[in-house]
N, C-alpha and C. Protein backbone atom coordinates (compact mmCIF):
# COMPACT_ATOMS: atom_id res chain seq x y z
N MET A 1 0.82 -1.20 0.00
CA MET A 1 0.00 0.00 0.00
C MET A 1 0.86 1.27 0.00
N GLN A 2 2.00 1.17 0.72
CA GLN A 2 2.90 2.32 0.76
C GLN A 2 3.49 2.60 -0.62
N ASP A 3 3.74 1.55 -1.39
CA ASP A 3 4.27 1.73 -2.74
C ASP A 3 3.29 2.51 -3.61
N VAL A 4 2.02 2.19 -3.50
CA VAL A 4 0.99 2.88 -4.27
C VAL A 4 0.91 4.34 -3.84
N GLU A 5 0.98 4.60 -2.56
CA GLU A 5 0.93 5.98 -2.06
C GLU A 5 2.16 6.75 -2.52
N GLY A 6 3.31 6.09 -2.49
CA GLY A 6 4.54 6.73 -2.96
C GLY A 6 4.48 7.07 -4.43
N LEU A 7 3.97 6.15 -5.23
CA LEU A 7 3.81 6.40 -6.67
C LEU A 7 2.81 7.52 -6.93
N ALA A 8 1.73 7.54 -6.17
CA ALA A 8 0.73 8.58 -6.33
C ALA A 8 1.34 9.94 -6.03
N LYS A 9 2.16 10.01 -5.00
CA LYS A 9 2.80 11.28 -4.62
C LYS A 9 3.77 11.72 -5.71
N MET A 10 4.52 10.77 -6.28
CA MET A 10 5.46 11.09 -7.36
C MET A 10 4.70 11.62 -8.58
N LEU A 11 3.59 10.99 -8.92
CA LEU A 11 2.78 11.44 -10.06
C LEU A 11 2.20 12.83 -9.82
N GLU A 12 1.79 13.07 -8.61
CA GLU A 12 1.24 14.38 -8.25
C GLU A 12 2.31 15.46 -8.39
N ASN A 13 3.52 15.17 -7.93
CA ASN A 13 4.63 16.12 -8.06
C ASN A 13 4.98 16.36 -9.53
N ALA A 14 5.00 15.31 -10.32
CA ALA A 14 5.32 15.43 -11.74
C ALA A 14 4.25 16.26 -12.46
N ALA A 15 3.00 16.03 -12.13
CA ALA A 15 1.92 16.80 -12.75
C ALA A 15 2.04 18.28 -12.40
N GLY A 16 2.41 18.58 -11.16
CA GLY A 16 2.59 19.97 -10.75
C GLY A 16 3.73 20.62 -11.53
N ALA A 17 4.82 19.89 -11.72
CA ALA A 17 5.96 20.42 -12.48
C ALA A 17 5.58 20.66 -13.93
N ILE A 18 4.80 19.76 -14.51
CA ILE A 18 4.35 19.92 -15.90
C ILE A 18 3.45 21.14 -16.04
N ARG A 19 2.54 21.35 -15.09
CA ARG A 19 1.68 22.53 -15.12
C ARG A 19 2.50 23.81 -15.05
N GLU A 20 3.49 23.83 -14.18
CA GLU A 20 4.35 25.00 -14.02
C GLU A 20 5.12 25.30 -15.31
N LEU A 21 5.68 24.27 -15.92
CA LEU A 21 6.40 24.45 -17.18
C LEU A 21 5.47 24.93 -18.30
N SER A 22 4.28 24.40 -18.33
CA SER A 22 3.30 24.79 -19.34
C SER A 22 2.96 26.28 -19.21
N GLN A 23 2.80 26.75 -17.99
CA GLN A 23 2.51 28.17 -17.76
C GLN A 23 3.67 29.03 -18.22
N LYS A 24 4.91 28.60 -17.96
CA LYS A 24 6.08 29.36 -18.39
C LYS A 24 6.17 29.42 -19.91
N VAL A 25 5.90 28.30 -20.57
CA VAL A 25 5.94 28.26 -22.03
C VAL A 25 4.88 29.21 -22.61
N ASN A 26 3.68 29.18 -22.06
CA ASN A 26 2.62 30.08 -22.54
C ASN A 26 3.01 31.53 -22.37
N ALA A 27 3.64 31.87 -21.25
CA ALA A 27 4.08 33.24 -21.01
C ALA A 27 5.14 33.66 -22.01
N LEU A 28 6.08 32.77 -22.31
CA LEU A 28 7.12 33.08 -23.29
C LEU A 28 6.55 33.24 -24.69
N GLN A 29 5.58 32.43 -25.04
CA GLN A 29 4.97 32.55 -26.36
C GLN A 29 4.28 33.89 -26.53
N LYS A 30 3.68 34.40 -25.47
CA LYS A 30 3.03 35.71 -25.55
C LYS A 30 4.05 36.81 -25.74
N ILE A 31 5.21 36.67 -25.11
CA ILE A 31 6.26 37.68 -25.23
C ILE A 31 6.83 37.70 -26.64
N HIS A 32 7.03 36.53 -27.24
CA HIS A 32 7.70 36.43 -28.53
C HIS A 32 6.75 36.09 -29.67
N ASP A 33 5.53 36.53 -29.59
CA ASP A 33 4.57 36.29 -30.66
C ASP A 33 4.94 37.21 -31.83
N PRO A 34 5.47 36.65 -32.93
CA PRO A 34 5.94 37.48 -34.04
C PRO A 34 4.86 38.39 -34.62
N ASP A 35 3.64 37.90 -34.74
CA ASP A 35 2.58 38.72 -35.32
C ASP A 35 2.31 39.94 -34.46
N GLU A 36 2.29 39.75 -33.16
CA GLU A 36 2.06 40.87 -32.25
C GLU A 36 3.23 41.84 -32.29
N THR A 37 4.45 41.32 -32.36
CA THR A 37 5.64 42.16 -32.39
C THR A 37 5.67 43.02 -33.64
N LEU A 38 5.26 42.49 -34.77
CA LEU A 38 5.30 43.22 -36.04
C LEU A 38 4.43 44.47 -36.01
N GLU A 39 3.38 44.45 -35.21
CA GLU A 39 2.47 45.60 -35.14
C GLU A 39 2.97 46.69 -34.21
N LYS A 40 3.98 46.41 -33.42
CA LYS A 40 4.47 47.37 -32.44
C LYS A 40 5.33 48.44 -33.09
N GLY A 41 5.45 49.55 -32.40
CA GLY A 41 6.30 50.64 -32.87
C GLY A 41 7.76 50.31 -32.66
N LEU A 42 8.63 51.09 -33.30
CA LEU A 42 10.06 50.85 -33.21
C LEU A 42 10.60 50.98 -31.79
N CYS A 43 9.93 51.73 -30.95
CA CYS A 43 10.40 51.93 -29.57
C CYS A 43 10.51 50.60 -28.82
N HIS A 44 9.79 49.58 -29.25
CA HIS A 44 9.85 48.27 -28.59
C HIS A 44 11.13 47.52 -28.89
N LEU A 45 11.90 47.98 -29.87
CA LEU A 45 13.16 47.32 -30.21
C LEU A 45 14.35 47.86 -29.42
N LYS A 46 14.18 48.98 -28.76
CA LYS A 46 15.27 49.60 -28.01
C LYS A 46 16.46 49.94 -28.92
N LEU A 47 16.13 50.52 -30.07
CA LEU A 47 17.16 50.96 -31.01
C LEU A 47 17.86 52.21 -30.47
N ARG A 48 19.07 52.42 -30.94
CA ARG A 48 19.78 53.65 -30.62
C ARG A 48 19.03 54.81 -31.26
N PRO A 49 19.12 56.00 -30.65
CA PRO A 49 18.39 57.16 -31.19
C PRO A 49 18.67 57.42 -32.68
N ARG A 50 19.93 57.33 -33.10
CA ARG A 50 20.24 57.59 -34.51
C ARG A 50 19.52 56.60 -35.41
N SER A 51 19.52 55.33 -35.03
CA SER A 51 18.86 54.30 -35.84
C SER A 51 17.37 54.59 -35.95
N LYS A 52 16.75 54.85 -34.80
CA LYS A 52 15.31 55.13 -34.77
C LYS A 52 14.98 56.37 -35.59
N ASN A 53 15.78 57.42 -35.44
CA ASN A 53 15.54 58.67 -36.18
C ASN A 53 15.66 58.47 -37.69
N CYS A 54 16.67 57.72 -38.12
CA CYS A 54 16.84 57.45 -39.56
C CYS A 54 15.62 56.72 -40.13
N LEU A 55 15.15 55.73 -39.40
CA LEU A 55 14.01 54.95 -39.87
C LEU A 55 12.74 55.79 -39.91
N GLU A 56 12.50 56.57 -38.85
CA GLU A 56 11.31 57.41 -38.82
C GLU A 56 11.35 58.49 -39.90
N TYR A 57 12.53 59.01 -40.20
CA TYR A 57 12.69 60.00 -41.28
C TYR A 57 12.21 59.41 -42.60
N GLU A 58 12.43 58.11 -42.77
CA GLU A 58 12.03 57.42 -44.00
C GLU A 58 10.60 56.90 -43.94
N GLY A 59 9.91 57.12 -42.81
CA GLY A 59 8.52 56.69 -42.68
C GLY A 59 8.35 55.28 -42.16
N ILE A 60 9.42 54.68 -41.68
CA ILE A 60 9.35 53.33 -41.11
C ILE A 60 9.08 53.49 -39.62
N ILE A 61 7.86 53.15 -39.20
CA ILE A 61 7.49 53.41 -37.80
C ILE A 61 7.09 52.14 -37.03
N THR A 62 6.93 51.02 -37.72
CA THR A 62 6.58 49.78 -37.02
C THR A 62 7.66 48.72 -37.27
N VAL A 63 7.70 47.74 -36.40
CA VAL A 63 8.64 46.64 -36.53
C VAL A 63 8.36 45.87 -37.83
N GLY A 64 7.09 45.71 -38.16
CA GLY A 64 6.71 45.02 -39.39
C GLY A 64 7.25 45.72 -40.63
N GLN A 65 7.14 47.04 -40.66
CA GLN A 65 7.69 47.79 -41.80
C GLN A 65 9.20 47.60 -41.89
N LEU A 66 9.86 47.57 -40.75
CA LEU A 66 11.31 47.41 -40.73
C LEU A 66 11.72 46.05 -41.27
N THR A 67 10.98 45.00 -40.93
CA THR A 67 11.35 43.66 -41.40
C THR A 67 11.13 43.50 -42.91
N GLN A 68 10.39 44.42 -43.51
CA GLN A 68 10.19 44.38 -44.96
C GLN A 68 11.27 45.14 -45.72
N ALA A 69 12.16 45.80 -44.98
CA ALA A 69 13.26 46.55 -45.60
C ALA A 69 14.50 45.67 -45.69
N THR A 70 15.29 45.90 -46.73
CA THR A 70 16.57 45.21 -46.86
C THR A 70 17.67 46.08 -46.26
N ALA A 71 18.84 45.50 -46.07
CA ALA A 71 19.98 46.29 -45.58
C ALA A 71 20.29 47.42 -46.57
N ARG A 72 20.17 47.13 -47.85
CA ARG A 72 20.43 48.16 -48.87
C ARG A 72 19.43 49.30 -48.74
N ASP A 73 18.15 48.98 -48.48
CA ASP A 73 17.14 50.02 -48.27
C ASP A 73 17.54 50.93 -47.12
N ILE A 74 18.02 50.33 -46.04
CA ILE A 74 18.41 51.11 -44.86
C ILE A 74 19.62 51.98 -45.18
N LEU A 75 20.60 51.41 -45.87
CA LEU A 75 21.80 52.17 -46.20
C LEU A 75 21.52 53.34 -47.13
N ASP A 76 20.43 53.27 -47.87
CA ASP A 76 20.05 54.38 -48.76
C ASP A 76 19.43 55.54 -48.00
N ILE A 77 19.12 55.34 -46.73
CA ILE A 77 18.54 56.41 -45.91
C ILE A 77 19.66 57.34 -45.46
N ARG A 78 19.37 58.62 -45.52
CA ARG A 78 20.34 59.64 -45.10
C ARG A 78 20.81 59.38 -43.66
N ASN A 79 22.11 59.43 -43.42
CA ASN A 79 22.76 59.26 -42.12
C ASN A 79 22.71 57.82 -41.59
N ALA A 80 22.28 56.88 -42.39
CA ALA A 80 22.29 55.49 -41.95
C ALA A 80 23.52 54.80 -42.53
N GLY A 81 24.29 54.18 -41.67
CA GLY A 81 25.49 53.47 -42.10
C GLY A 81 25.53 52.08 -41.48
N GLN A 82 26.72 51.52 -41.45
CA GLN A 82 26.90 50.16 -40.94
C GLN A 82 26.56 50.05 -39.45
N VAL A 83 26.80 51.11 -38.68
CA VAL A 83 26.47 51.06 -37.25
C VAL A 83 24.95 50.96 -37.07
N VAL A 84 24.20 51.69 -37.88
CA VAL A 84 22.74 51.63 -37.82
C VAL A 84 22.26 50.23 -38.23
N ILE A 85 22.84 49.70 -39.31
CA ILE A 85 22.47 48.35 -39.77
C ILE A 85 22.75 47.32 -38.67
N SER A 86 23.92 47.42 -38.06
CA SER A 86 24.29 46.50 -36.99
C SER A 86 23.33 46.60 -35.82
N ASP A 87 23.01 47.81 -35.42
CA ASP A 87 22.07 48.03 -34.31
C ASP A 87 20.71 47.41 -34.62
N ILE A 88 20.23 47.64 -35.82
CA ILE A 88 18.93 47.10 -36.24
C ILE A 88 18.95 45.57 -36.23
N ARG A 89 20.00 44.98 -36.77
CA ARG A 89 20.09 43.52 -36.82
C ARG A 89 20.14 42.91 -35.42
N VAL A 90 20.89 43.53 -34.53
CA VAL A 90 20.98 43.02 -33.15
C VAL A 90 19.62 43.09 -32.48
N GLN A 91 18.96 44.22 -32.58
CA GLN A 91 17.68 44.39 -31.89
C GLN A 91 16.57 43.53 -32.51
N LEU A 92 16.57 43.40 -33.81
CA LEU A 92 15.60 42.50 -34.45
C LEU A 92 15.88 41.06 -34.03
N GLY A 93 17.15 40.70 -33.97
CA GLY A 93 17.54 39.34 -33.57
C GLY A 93 17.04 39.01 -32.17
N LYS A 94 17.09 39.97 -31.27
CA LYS A 94 16.61 39.75 -29.91
C LYS A 94 15.11 39.46 -29.89
N ALA A 95 14.41 39.98 -30.90
CA ALA A 95 12.96 39.74 -31.02
C ALA A 95 12.65 38.53 -31.89
N GLY A 96 13.70 37.85 -32.36
CA GLY A 96 13.51 36.68 -33.23
C GLY A 96 13.15 37.04 -34.65
N LEU A 97 13.54 38.24 -35.07
CA LEU A 97 13.20 38.73 -36.40
C LEU A 97 14.48 39.12 -37.15
N LYS A 98 14.33 39.46 -38.43
CA LYS A 98 15.48 39.91 -39.22
C LYS A 98 15.01 40.79 -40.37
N LEU A 99 15.97 41.46 -40.99
CA LEU A 99 15.67 42.26 -42.17
C LEU A 99 15.37 41.35 -43.35
N LYS A 100 14.64 41.88 -44.30
CA LYS A 100 14.34 41.12 -45.53
C LYS A 100 15.66 40.82 -46.23
N GLY A 101 15.84 39.58 -46.61
CA GLY A 101 17.06 39.20 -47.32
C GLY A 101 18.20 38.76 -46.42
N ASP A 102 18.06 38.91 -45.13
CA ASP A 102 19.13 38.47 -44.19
C ASP A 102 19.02 36.98 -43.92
């Protein structure tokens, strides 16, 4: 009888751990939902001011618009250079995204 009680306790503990992991996975999915991220403004990427200003000057104001741009498109923007491209790639990468063509 003790064996059955011991097994029941182990199963109960395992079920609790599975529930906890499931909640954590759901929370992470909400944070990294690509569709939701694409609709957000550039401020959610934590870009450097120069990068953000260059993009806004060109009318790129959402993360989704940015992911549709190529590195060449960005370099064609006034005052945007390799540092801006690098900043954009790093911040997009943190969100699980990238520039078109990367």
